[in-house]
Amino acid sequence: MQGLRGLAWLLVFQSLGELISRGLHLPLPGPVLGLLMLLPALRVAAIREAVAVCAQFLLSHLSLLFVPVGVGVMVHLGLFADYGLRILLVIALSTWIGLAVTALVLHAGRPKQERGER
């Protein structure tokens, strides 16, 4: 039951993000805005615990979420033969950029004592 509450919270925040994004014609996708709104909401214990249960369930079944991607790759195998190296380069660069931005944000968000600064 807790997992369903967590899923409901995730869907509520995603829907709110979509409404705000489309209503205000923002360049950010609705799910991104929803996640930004979810972040402070996770300070509430009831929301945090429900979302944690849902997240644990989704992570335990993560491999199932790759089935549609695998089917898409098989259907469009010709495109990968033509543009495979370009696609691989874009995936590698975007992954490294994402990792670097995440590391910088996490580093900036840590207290100064943990970073070794005074």
N, C-alpha and C. Protein backbone atom coordinates (compact mmCIF):
# COMPACT_ATOMS: atom_id res chain seq x y z
N MET A 1 0.82 -1.19 0.00
CA MET A 1 0.00 0.00 0.00
C MET A 1 0.87 1.26 0.00
N GLN A 2 1.96 1.20 0.75
CA GLN A 2 2.88 2.35 0.83
C GLN A 2 3.47 2.64 -0.55
N GLY A 3 3.76 1.58 -1.32
CA GLY A 3 4.32 1.76 -2.65
C GLY A 3 3.36 2.47 -3.58
N LEU A 4 2.06 2.16 -3.45
CA LEU A 4 1.07 2.85 -4.28
C LEU A 4 0.96 4.32 -3.91
N ARG A 5 1.10 4.62 -2.62
CA ARG A 5 1.10 6.02 -2.20
C ARG A 5 2.31 6.75 -2.81
N GLY A 6 3.45 6.08 -2.81
CA GLY A 6 4.65 6.67 -3.40
C GLY A 6 4.47 6.92 -4.88
N LEU A 7 3.89 5.95 -5.59
CA LEU A 7 3.64 6.13 -7.01
C LEU A 7 2.66 7.27 -7.24
N ALA A 8 1.65 7.37 -6.37
CA ALA A 8 0.68 8.47 -6.49
C ALA A 8 1.38 9.81 -6.30
N TRP A 9 2.28 9.89 -5.32
CA TRP A 9 3.02 11.15 -5.11
C TRP A 9 3.86 11.50 -6.33
N LEU A 10 4.53 10.49 -6.89
CA LEU A 10 5.34 10.75 -8.09
C LEU A 10 4.48 11.26 -9.24
N LEU A 11 3.31 10.64 -9.42
CA LEU A 11 2.42 11.06 -10.50
C LEU A 11 1.83 12.44 -10.24
N VAL A 12 1.54 12.75 -8.98
CA VAL A 12 1.01 14.08 -8.64
C VAL A 12 2.04 15.15 -8.99
N PHE A 13 3.28 14.93 -8.59
CA PHE A 13 4.30 15.94 -8.87
C PHE A 13 4.61 16.03 -10.36
N GLN A 14 4.57 14.91 -11.06
CA GLN A 14 4.79 14.97 -12.50
C GLN A 14 3.64 15.72 -13.18
N SER A 15 2.43 15.47 -12.75
CA SER A 15 1.27 16.16 -13.33
C SER A 15 1.32 17.66 -13.04
N LEU A 16 1.68 18.02 -11.81
CA LEU A 16 1.82 19.44 -11.48
C LEU A 16 2.91 20.10 -12.35
N GLY A 17 4.00 19.39 -12.54
CA GLY A 17 5.06 19.91 -13.40
C GLY A 17 4.59 20.11 -14.82
N GLU A 18 3.82 19.15 -15.33
CA GLU A 18 3.28 19.27 -16.69
C GLU A 18 2.34 20.46 -16.79
N LEU A 19 1.46 20.62 -15.80
CA LEU A 19 0.52 21.74 -15.81
C LEU A 19 1.26 23.09 -15.81
N ILE A 20 2.25 23.19 -14.96
CA ILE A 20 3.00 24.45 -14.87
C ILE A 20 3.80 24.69 -16.15
N SER A 21 4.45 23.64 -16.65
CA SER A 21 5.27 23.78 -17.85
C SER A 21 4.43 24.19 -19.06
N ARG A 22 3.31 23.51 -19.23
CA ARG A 22 2.46 23.84 -20.39
C ARG A 22 1.68 25.13 -20.18
N GLY A 23 1.24 25.36 -18.95
CA GLY A 23 0.46 26.56 -18.67
C GLY A 23 1.26 27.84 -18.80
N LEU A 24 2.52 27.79 -18.40
CA LEU A 24 3.38 28.97 -18.47
C LEU A 24 4.29 28.97 -19.69
N HIS A 25 4.15 27.95 -20.54
CA HIS A 25 4.96 27.81 -21.77
C HIS A 25 6.45 27.87 -21.45
N LEU A 26 6.86 27.09 -20.45
CA LEU A 26 8.26 27.07 -20.04
C LEU A 26 9.06 26.12 -20.93
N PRO A 27 10.35 26.37 -21.09
CA PRO A 27 11.17 25.49 -21.93
C PRO A 27 11.57 24.20 -21.22
N LEU A 28 11.26 24.06 -19.92
CA LEU A 28 11.60 22.84 -19.18
C LEU A 28 10.48 21.81 -19.30
N PRO A 29 10.83 20.54 -19.41
CA PRO A 29 9.79 19.50 -19.45
C PRO A 29 9.07 19.42 -18.11
N GLY A 30 7.82 19.02 -18.16
CA GLY A 30 7.02 18.89 -16.96
C GLY A 30 7.60 17.95 -15.92
N PRO A 31 8.10 16.77 -16.32
CA PRO A 31 8.67 15.87 -15.31
C PRO A 31 9.87 16.47 -14.58
N VAL A 32 10.64 17.31 -15.26
CA VAL A 32 11.78 17.96 -14.60
C VAL A 32 11.27 18.93 -13.54
N LEU A 33 10.26 19.71 -13.88
CA LEU A 33 9.68 20.63 -12.90
C LEU A 33 9.06 19.85 -11.75
N GLY A 34 8.42 18.72 -12.07
CA GLY A 34 7.84 17.89 -11.02
C GLY A 34 8.90 17.37 -10.07
N LEU A 35 10.04 16.95 -10.59
CA LEU A 35 11.13 16.49 -9.73
C LEU A 35 11.68 17.62 -8.88
N LEU A 36 11.77 18.82 -9.45
CA LEU A 36 12.24 19.96 -8.67
C LEU A 36 11.28 20.29 -7.53
N MET A 37 9.99 20.10 -7.76
CA MET A 37 9.01 20.32 -6.69
C MET A 37 9.02 19.17 -5.68
N LEU A 38 9.33 17.96 -6.16
CA LEU A 38 9.38 16.80 -5.27
C LEU A 38 10.54 16.90 -4.29
N LEU A 39 11.63 17.50 -4.72
CA LEU A 39 12.83 17.56 -3.88
C LEU A 39 12.57 18.17 -2.51
N PRO A 40 11.99 19.36 -2.40
CA PRO A 40 11.71 19.87 -1.05
C PRO A 40 10.60 19.09 -0.34
N ALA A 41 9.69 18.50 -1.12
CA ALA A 41 8.60 17.73 -0.51
C ALA A 41 9.12 16.47 0.18
N LEU A 42 10.31 16.01 -0.22
CA LEU A 42 10.87 14.81 0.40
C LEU A 42 11.30 15.05 1.84
N ARG A 43 11.28 16.28 2.29
CA ARG A 43 11.57 16.56 3.70
C ARG A 43 10.42 16.11 4.61
N VAL A 44 9.24 15.96 4.02
CA VAL A 44 8.08 15.46 4.78
C VAL A 44 8.21 13.94 4.88
N ALA A 45 8.21 13.41 6.09
CA ALA A 45 8.48 11.99 6.33
C ALA A 45 7.49 11.09 5.60
N ALA A 46 6.22 11.43 5.61
CA ALA A 46 5.21 10.57 4.98
C ALA A 46 5.46 10.46 3.47
N ILE A 47 5.81 11.56 2.83
CA ILE A 47 6.09 11.52 1.38
C ILE A 47 7.38 10.78 1.13
N ARG A 48 8.41 11.06 1.91
CA ARG A 48 9.72 10.43 1.72
C ARG A 48 9.63 8.91 1.85
N GLU A 49 8.94 8.43 2.87
CA GLU A 49 8.86 6.97 3.08
C GLU A 49 8.06 6.29 1.98
N ALA A 50 6.96 6.91 1.55
CA ALA A 50 6.15 6.31 0.49
C ALA A 50 6.92 6.28 -0.83
N VAL A 51 7.60 7.37 -1.15
CA VAL A 51 8.37 7.43 -2.40
C VAL A 51 9.55 6.45 -2.33
N ALA A 52 10.15 6.27 -1.16
CA ALA A 52 11.27 5.33 -1.02
C ALA A 52 10.82 3.90 -1.31
N VAL A 53 9.65 3.53 -0.83
CA VAL A 53 9.13 2.18 -1.08
C VAL A 53 8.88 1.99 -2.57
N CYS A 54 8.27 2.99 -3.20
CA CYS A 54 8.01 2.92 -4.64
C CYS A 54 9.31 2.86 -5.43
N ALA A 55 10.28 3.68 -5.05
CA ALA A 55 11.56 3.70 -5.75
C ALA A 55 12.28 2.36 -5.63
N GLN A 56 12.21 1.75 -4.45
CA GLN A 56 12.85 0.45 -4.25
C GLN A 56 12.22 -0.61 -5.16
N PHE A 57 10.89 -0.56 -5.28
CA PHE A 57 10.19 -1.49 -6.16
C PHE A 57 10.60 -1.27 -7.61
N LEU A 58 10.61 -0.01 -8.05
CA LEU A 58 10.98 0.29 -9.43
C LEU A 58 12.43 -0.11 -9.73
N LEU A 59 13.32 0.12 -8.78
CA LEU A 59 14.72 -0.26 -8.98
C LEU A 59 14.89 -1.77 -9.05
N SER A 60 14.09 -2.51 -8.30
CA SER A 60 14.21 -3.97 -8.34
C SER A 60 13.72 -4.54 -9.66
N HIS A 61 12.91 -3.79 -10.39
CA HIS A 61 12.40 -4.24 -11.68
C HIS A 61 12.92 -3.38 -12.84
N LEU A 62 14.05 -2.76 -12.63
CA LEU A 62 14.61 -1.83 -13.61
C LEU A 62 14.89 -2.50 -14.95
N SER A 63 15.31 -3.75 -14.93
CA SER A 63 15.65 -4.43 -16.18
C SER A 63 14.45 -4.52 -17.13
N LEU A 64 13.24 -4.59 -16.59
CA LEU A 64 12.05 -4.64 -17.45
C LEU A 64 11.85 -3.35 -18.24
N LEU A 65 12.35 -2.25 -17.69
CA LEU A 65 12.17 -0.98 -18.37
C LEU A 65 13.07 -0.84 -19.60
N PHE A 66 14.04 -1.74 -19.75
CA PHE A 66 14.93 -1.70 -20.91
C PHE A 66 14.41 -2.53 -22.08
N VAL A 67 13.35 -3.29 -21.88
CA VAL A 67 12.81 -4.12 -22.96
C VAL A 67 12.34 -3.26 -24.13
N PRO A 68 11.56 -2.19 -23.92
CA PRO A 68 11.15 -1.38 -25.07
C PRO A 68 12.33 -0.77 -25.82
N VAL A 69 13.36 -0.38 -25.11
CA VAL A 69 14.54 0.18 -25.77
C VAL A 69 15.20 -0.88 -26.64
N GLY A 70 15.32 -2.08 -26.12
CA GLY A 70 15.91 -3.16 -26.90
C GLY A 70 15.11 -3.48 -28.15
N VAL A 71 13.81 -3.45 -28.04
CA VAL A 71 12.95 -3.69 -29.21
C VAL A 71 13.13 -2.56 -30.22
N GLY A 72 13.22 -1.33 -29.74
CA GLY A 72 13.43 -0.21 -30.65
C GLY A 72 14.75 -0.30 -31.38
N VAL A 73 15.78 -0.75 -30.70
CA VAL A 73 17.08 -0.92 -31.35
C VAL A 73 16.98 -1.98 -32.43
N MET A 74 16.31 -3.07 -32.14
CA MET A 74 16.20 -4.14 -33.14
C MET A 74 15.38 -3.69 -34.36
N VAL A 75 14.35 -2.89 -34.13
CA VAL A 75 13.50 -2.43 -35.23
C VAL A 75 14.27 -1.46 -36.13
N HIS A 76 15.10 -0.62 -35.55
CA HIS A 76 15.82 0.40 -36.31
C HIS A 76 17.31 0.08 -36.42
N LEU A 77 17.63 -1.16 -36.60
CA LEU A 77 19.02 -1.59 -36.68
C LEU A 77 19.76 -0.95 -37.85
N GLY A 78 19.04 -0.68 -38.94
CA GLY A 78 19.65 -0.02 -40.10
C GLY A 78 20.17 1.37 -39.78
N LEU A 79 19.42 2.10 -38.96
CA LEU A 79 19.87 3.43 -38.55
C LEU A 79 21.15 3.35 -37.73
N PHE A 80 21.25 2.33 -36.90
CA PHE A 80 22.45 2.18 -36.10
C PHE A 80 23.65 1.80 -36.96
N ALA A 81 23.40 1.10 -38.03
CA ALA A 81 24.50 0.78 -38.94
C ALA A 81 25.01 2.05 -39.63
N ASP A 82 24.10 2.97 -39.95
CA ASP A 82 24.49 4.21 -40.63
C ASP A 82 25.06 5.26 -39.67
N TYR A 83 24.45 5.39 -38.50
CA TYR A 83 24.80 6.48 -37.58
C TYR A 83 25.33 5.99 -36.23
N GLY A 84 25.75 4.74 -36.16
CA GLY A 84 26.15 4.15 -34.90
C GLY A 84 27.25 4.88 -34.17
N LEU A 85 28.31 5.27 -34.88
CA LEU A 85 29.42 5.96 -34.23
C LEU A 85 29.01 7.33 -33.71
N ARG A 86 28.19 8.04 -34.48
CA ARG A 86 27.71 9.35 -34.02
C ARG A 86 26.84 9.20 -32.78
N ILE A 87 25.97 8.21 -32.80
CA ILE A 87 25.08 7.97 -31.65
C ILE A 87 25.92 7.62 -30.43
N LEU A 88 26.90 6.76 -30.60
CA LEU A 88 27.77 6.36 -29.49
C LEU A 88 28.52 7.56 -28.92
N LEU A 89 29.00 8.43 -29.79
CA LEU A 89 29.72 9.62 -29.34
C LEU A 89 28.79 10.55 -28.54
N VAL A 90 27.59 10.76 -29.04
CA VAL A 90 26.64 11.62 -28.34
C VAL A 90 26.26 11.03 -26.99
N ILE A 91 26.04 9.72 -26.93
CA ILE A 91 25.69 9.08 -25.66
C ILE A 91 26.84 9.20 -24.67
N ALA A 92 28.06 8.96 -25.14
CA ALA A 92 29.22 9.04 -24.24
C ALA A 92 29.41 10.47 -23.72
N LEU A 93 29.35 11.46 -24.61
CA LEU A 93 29.53 12.85 -24.19
C LEU A 93 28.43 13.31 -23.24
N SER A 94 27.18 12.98 -23.55
CA SER A 94 26.09 13.42 -22.68
C SER A 94 26.16 12.73 -21.32
N THR A 95 26.62 11.48 -21.29
CA THR A 95 26.78 10.79 -20.01
C THR A 95 27.85 11.46 -19.17
N TRP A 96 28.99 11.77 -19.78
CA TRP A 96 30.07 12.44 -19.04
C TRP A 96 29.65 13.82 -18.56
N ILE A 97 28.94 14.56 -19.39
CA ILE A 97 28.47 15.88 -18.98
C ILE A 97 27.48 15.76 -17.82
N GLY A 98 26.57 14.81 -17.91
CA GLY A 98 25.62 14.58 -16.83
C GLY A 98 26.30 14.19 -15.53
N LEU A 99 27.31 13.32 -15.61
CA LEU A 99 28.05 12.93 -14.42
C LEU A 99 28.80 14.12 -13.82
N ALA A 100 29.41 14.94 -14.67
CA ALA A 100 30.16 16.09 -14.18
C ALA A 100 29.24 17.10 -13.50
N VAL A 101 28.10 17.39 -14.10
CA VAL A 101 27.16 18.33 -13.51
C VAL A 101 26.63 17.80 -12.18
N THR A 102 26.31 16.51 -12.13
CA THR A 102 25.83 15.91 -10.89
C THR A 102 26.88 16.01 -9.80
N ALA A 103 28.13 15.71 -10.13
CA ALA A 103 29.20 15.79 -9.13
C ALA A 103 29.39 17.22 -8.64
N LEU A 104 29.33 18.18 -9.53
CA LEU A 104 29.49 19.58 -9.13
C LEU A 104 28.34 20.05 -8.24
N VAL A 105 27.13 19.64 -8.58
CA VAL A 105 25.97 20.03 -7.77
C VAL A 105 26.05 19.39 -6.39
N LEU A 106 26.41 18.12 -6.33
CA LEU A 106 26.53 17.45 -5.04
C LEU A 106 27.65 18.06 -4.21
N HIS A 107 28.74 18.39 -4.85
CA HIS A 107 29.86 19.00 -4.12
C HIS A 107 29.46 20.38 -3.59
N ALA A 108 28.77 21.15 -4.39
CA ALA A 108 28.36 22.49 -3.96
C ALA A 108 27.30 22.43 -2.86
N GLY A 109 26.52 21.37 -2.83
CA GLY A 109 25.45 21.25 -1.83
C GLY A 109 25.90 20.72 -0.49
N ARG A 110 27.12 20.21 -0.40
CA ARG A 110 27.62 19.68 0.87
C ARG A 110 28.02 20.82 1.79
N PRO A 111 27.89 20.60 3.08
CA PRO A 111 28.37 21.63 4.02
C PRO A 111 29.87 21.84 3.88
N LYS A 112 30.33 23.04 4.23
CA LYS A 112 31.74 23.38 4.05
C LYS A 112 32.65 22.48 4.86
N GLN A 113 32.21 22.05 6.05
CA GLN A 113 33.06 21.19 6.88
C GLN A 113 33.34 19.85 6.21
N GLU A 114 32.34 19.30 5.52
CA GLU A 114 32.53 18.03 4.83
C GLU A 114 33.42 18.16 3.61
N ARG A 115 33.44 19.36 3.00
CA ARG A 115 34.26 19.59 1.82
C ARG A 115 35.71 19.87 2.18
N GLY A 116 35.99 20.07 3.46
CA GLY A 116 37.35 20.36 3.87
C GLY A 116 37.68 21.83 3.83
N GLU A 117 36.68 22.69 3.67
CA GLU A 117 36.89 24.13 3.64
C GLU A 117 36.62 24.70 5.03
N ARG A 118 37.10 25.89 5.25
CA ARG A 118 36.83 26.54 6.54
C ARG A 118 36.07 27.81 6.35
